Amino acid sequence: MIYLDTHVVIWLYADLVERFSPRARALINQNDLLISPIVRLEMQYLYEIGRITVDSETILSDLKQSIGLQLCDLPFDDVVSRSINISWTRDPFDRLIIAQAMAGHGQLLTKDKTILDKFSDAVWQ
């Protein structure tokens, strides 16, 4: 199982496979794919401010059918408790996405350099 960062989900939906490293593509093809529910909220926020043109529910419904993407259902308080100790980022979305992967004992697929540098279970290359 591997958790996906928000940009990874958006790129998958947009079929922008050229943006993925060979390792990222292999991880996507070889693992069950999960997202934190906060990814759902972040995508909706990006839609509302015009950064993406499709709402989160459409994206998630499509990816659930096409690649089996699932929302992680770990208790929210467990995730928030872990996020409190992630003080190296001020982005609340990133804190919760990382904490979700930690709570689920999974890797996080992301191209975000800061996350890759600071979170040992973040992968891309």
C-alpha atoms as a PDB file:
ATOM      1  CA  MET A   1       0.000   0.000   0.000  1.00  0.00           C
ATOM      2  CA  ILE A   2       1.179   3.498  -0.765  1.00  0.00           C
ATOM      3  CA  TYR A   3      -0.307   6.896   0.051  1.00  0.00           C
ATOM      4  CA  LEU A   4      -0.508   9.537  -2.666  1.00  0.00           C
ATOM      5  CA  ASP A   5       0.134  13.251  -2.264  1.00  0.00           C
ATOM      6  CA  THR A   6      -2.419  15.638  -3.742  1.00  0.00           C
ATOM      7  CA  HIS A   7      -0.441  16.531  -6.853  1.00  0.00           C
ATOM      8  CA  VAL A   8       0.049  12.832  -7.623  1.00  0.00           C
ATOM      9  CA  VAL A   9      -3.720  12.277  -7.567  1.00  0.00           C
ATOM     10  CA  ILE A  10      -4.321  15.275  -9.823  1.00  0.00           C
ATOM     11  CA  TRP A  11      -1.646  14.136 -12.288  1.00  0.00           C
ATOM     12  CA  LEU A  12      -3.098  10.618 -12.369  1.00  0.00           C
ATOM     13  CA  TYR A  13      -6.540  12.006 -13.118  1.00  0.00           C
ATOM     14  CA  ALA A  14      -5.145  14.268 -15.852  1.00  0.00           C
ATOM     15  CA  ASP A  15      -3.161  11.318 -17.311  1.00  0.00           C
ATOM     16  CA  LEU A  16       0.109  13.242 -16.981  1.00  0.00           C
ATOM     17  CA  VAL A  17       2.193  10.064 -16.711  1.00  0.00           C
ATOM     18  CA  GLU A  18       5.244  11.802 -18.157  1.00  0.00           C
ATOM     19  CA  ARG A  19       5.559  13.709 -14.858  1.00  0.00           C
ATOM     20  CA  PHE A  20       6.170  10.493 -12.916  1.00  0.00           C
ATOM     21  CA  SER A  21       9.577   8.999 -12.329  1.00  0.00           C
ATOM     22  CA  PRO A  22      10.011   5.365 -13.377  1.00  0.00           C
ATOM     23  CA  ARG A  23      10.001   4.378  -9.689  1.00  0.00           C
ATOM     24  CA  ALA A  24       6.819   6.359  -9.064  1.00  0.00           C
ATOM     25  CA  ARG A  25       5.100   4.588 -11.964  1.00  0.00           C
ATOM     26  CA  ALA A  26       6.240   1.207 -10.656  1.00  0.00           C
ATOM     27  CA  LEU A  27       4.987   1.986  -7.149  1.00  0.00           C
ATOM     28  CA  ILE A  28       1.601   3.033  -8.516  1.00  0.00           C
ATOM     29  CA  ASN A  29       1.308  -0.146 -10.566  1.00  0.00           C
ATOM     30  CA  GLN A  30       2.490  -2.499  -7.812  1.00  0.00           C
ATOM     31  CA  ASN A  31       0.615  -1.218  -4.749  1.00  0.00           C
ATOM     32  CA  ASP A  32      -2.827  -0.587  -3.369  1.00  0.00           C
ATOM     33  CA  LEU A  33      -3.342   3.175  -3.535  1.00  0.00           C
ATOM     34  CA  LEU A  34      -4.659   5.220  -0.629  1.00  0.00           C
ATOM     35  CA  ILE A  35      -5.162   8.883   0.100  1.00  0.00           C
ATOM     36  CA  SER A  36      -5.780  10.828   3.230  1.00  0.00           C
ATOM     37  CA  PRO A  37      -9.264  12.377   3.338  1.00  0.00           C
ATOM     38  CA  ILE A  38      -7.466  15.733   3.561  1.00  0.00           C
ATOM     39  CA  VAL A  39      -6.357  15.210  -0.070  1.00  0.00           C
ATOM     40  CA  ARG A  40     -10.050  15.286  -0.941  1.00  0.00           C
ATOM     41  CA  LEU A  41     -10.430  18.616   0.847  1.00  0.00           C
ATOM     42  CA  GLU A  42      -7.251  20.082  -0.663  1.00  0.00           C
ATOM     43  CA  MET A  43      -8.397  19.206  -4.179  1.00  0.00           C
ATOM     44  CA  GLN A  44     -11.770  20.833  -3.529  1.00  0.00           C
ATOM     45  CA  TYR A  45      -9.982  23.927  -2.238  1.00  0.00           C
ATOM     46  CA  LEU A  46      -7.805  24.000  -5.383  1.00  0.00           C
ATOM     47  CA  TYR A  47     -10.963  23.702  -7.500  1.00  0.00           C
ATOM     48  CA  GLU A  48     -12.692  26.525  -5.635  1.00  0.00           C
ATOM     49  CA  ILE A  49      -9.742  28.902  -6.113  1.00  0.00           C
ATOM     50  CA  GLY A  50      -9.395  27.969  -9.784  1.00  0.00           C
ATOM     51  CA  ARG A  51      -6.102  26.058  -9.633  1.00  0.00           C
ATOM     52  CA  ILE A  52      -7.768  22.918 -11.039  1.00  0.00           C
ATOM     53  CA  THR A  53     -10.854  22.707 -13.231  1.00  0.00           C
ATOM     54  CA  VAL A  54     -12.490  19.544 -11.872  1.00  0.00           C
ATOM     55  CA  ASP A  55     -13.993  19.123  -8.404  1.00  0.00           C
ATOM     56  CA  SER A  56     -12.611  16.591  -5.926  1.00  0.00           C
ATOM     57  CA  GLU A  57     -15.608  14.250  -6.039  1.00  0.00           C
ATOM     58  CA  THR A  58     -15.319  13.827  -9.812  1.00  0.00           C
ATOM     59  CA  ILE A  59     -11.595  13.133  -9.574  1.00  0.00           C
ATOM     60  CA  LEU A  60     -11.963  10.623  -6.755  1.00  0.00           C
ATOM     61  CA  SER A  61     -14.911   8.831  -8.331  1.00  0.00           C
ATOM     62  CA  ASP A  62     -13.008   8.440 -11.598  1.00  0.00           C
ATOM     63  CA  LEU A  63      -9.807   7.189  -9.940  1.00  0.00           C
ATOM     64  CA  LYS A  64     -11.697   4.803  -7.678  1.00  0.00           C
ATOM     65  CA  GLN A  65     -13.175   3.156 -10.765  1.00  0.00           C
ATOM     66  CA  SER A  66     -10.098   3.288 -12.979  1.00  0.00           C
ATOM     67  CA  ILE A  67      -7.270   2.402 -10.555  1.00  0.00           C
ATOM     68  CA  GLY A  68      -8.974   1.397  -7.303  1.00  0.00           C
ATOM     69  CA  LEU A  69      -7.932   4.487  -5.347  1.00  0.00           C
ATOM     70  CA  GLN A  70      -9.313   4.385  -1.805  1.00  0.00           C
ATOM     71  CA  LEU A  71      -9.707   6.841   1.067  1.00  0.00           C
ATOM     72  CA  CYS A  72      -7.861   5.760   4.199  1.00  0.00           C
ATOM     73  CA  ASP A  73     -10.292   5.362   7.074  1.00  0.00           C
ATOM     74  CA  LEU A  74      -7.958   5.656  10.055  1.00  0.00           C
ATOM     75  CA  PRO A  75      -9.431   7.628  12.981  1.00  0.00           C
ATOM     76  CA  PHE A  76      -8.972  11.355  12.389  1.00  0.00           C
ATOM     77  CA  ASP A  77      -7.772  12.003  15.933  1.00  0.00           C
ATOM     78  CA  ASP A  78      -4.910   9.507  15.452  1.00  0.00           C
ATOM     79  CA  VAL A  79      -3.838  11.372  12.334  1.00  0.00           C
ATOM     80  CA  VAL A  80      -4.104  14.808  13.964  1.00  0.00           C
ATOM     81  CA  SER A  81      -2.131  13.581  16.981  1.00  0.00           C
ATOM     82  CA  ARG A  82       0.734  12.568  14.711  1.00  0.00           C
ATOM     83  CA  SER A  83       0.528  15.799  12.708  1.00  0.00           C
ATOM     84  CA  ILE A  84       1.162  17.892  15.806  1.00  0.00           C
ATOM     85  CA  ASN A  85       4.793  16.726  15.846  1.00  0.00           C
ATOM     86  CA  ILE A  86       5.414  17.600  12.195  1.00  0.00           C
ATOM     87  CA  SER A  87       6.673  21.098  12.847  1.00  0.00           C
ATOM     88  CA  TRP A  88       8.977  21.454   9.837  1.00  0.00           C
ATOM     89  CA  THR A  89       6.097  22.520   7.585  1.00  0.00           C
ATOM     90  CA  ARG A  90       3.431  25.142   8.152  1.00  0.00           C
ATOM     91  CA  ASP A  91       1.149  23.697   5.461  1.00  0.00           C
ATOM     92  CA  PRO A  92      -1.754  22.013   7.297  1.00  0.00           C
ATOM     93  CA  PHE A  93      -2.602  19.876   4.268  1.00  0.00           C
ATOM     94  CA  ASP A  94       0.950  18.506   4.077  1.00  0.00           C
ATOM     95  CA  ARG A  95       1.062  17.885   7.827  1.00  0.00           C
ATOM     96  CA  LEU A  96      -2.094  15.782   7.712  1.00  0.00           C
ATOM     97  CA  ILE A  97      -1.129  13.927   4.521  1.00  0.00           C
ATOM     98  CA  ILE A  98       2.229  12.969   6.058  1.00  0.00           C
ATOM     99  CA  ALA A  99       0.624  12.054   9.371  1.00  0.00           C
ATOM    100  CA  GLN A 100      -1.895   9.830   7.577  1.00  0.00           C
ATOM    101  CA  ALA A 101       0.935   7.888   5.915  1.00  0.00           C
ATOM    102  CA  MET A 102       2.695   7.620   9.272  1.00  0.00           C
ATOM    103  CA  ALA A 103      -0.436   6.395  11.058  1.00  0.00           C
ATOM    104  CA  GLY A 104      -1.085   3.880   8.283  1.00  0.00           C
ATOM    105  CA  HIS A 105       2.545   2.697   8.297  1.00  0.00           C
ATOM    106  CA  GLY A 106       2.867   3.363   4.589  1.00  0.00           C
ATOM    107  CA  GLN A 107       5.076   5.246   2.213  1.00  0.00           C
ATOM    108  CA  LEU A 108       4.007   8.567   0.724  1.00  0.00           C
ATOM    109  CA  LEU A 109       4.462   9.089  -3.004  1.00  0.00           C
ATOM    110  CA  THR A 110       5.308  12.741  -3.567  1.00  0.00           C
ATOM    111  CA  LYS A 111       7.533  14.930  -5.703  1.00  0.00           C
ATOM    112  CA  ASP A 112       7.580  17.636  -3.004  1.00  0.00           C
ATOM    113  CA  LYS A 113      11.269  18.237  -2.260  1.00  0.00           C
ATOM    114  CA  THR A 114      10.734  19.397   1.317  1.00  0.00           C
ATOM    115  CA  ILE A 115       8.684  16.329   2.161  1.00  0.00           C
ATOM    116  CA  LEU A 116      11.229  14.081   0.447  1.00  0.00           C
ATOM    117  CA  ASP A 117      14.031  15.715   2.459  1.00  0.00           C
ATOM    118  CA  LYS A 118      12.242  15.635   5.828  1.00  0.00           C
ATOM    119  CA  PHE A 119      10.031  12.530   5.815  1.00  0.00           C
ATOM    120  CA  SER A 120      11.951   9.260   5.608  1.00  0.00           C
ATOM    121  CA  ASP A 121       8.984   7.323   4.179  1.00  0.00           C
ATOM    122  CA  ALA A 122       8.457   9.744   1.286  1.00  0.00           C
ATOM    123  CA  VAL A 123       9.448   8.336  -2.103  1.00  0.00           C
ATOM    124  CA  TRP A 124       9.768   9.480  -5.688  1.00  0.00           C
ATOM    125  CA  GLN A 125      13.052   8.424  -7.331  1.00  0.00           C
END
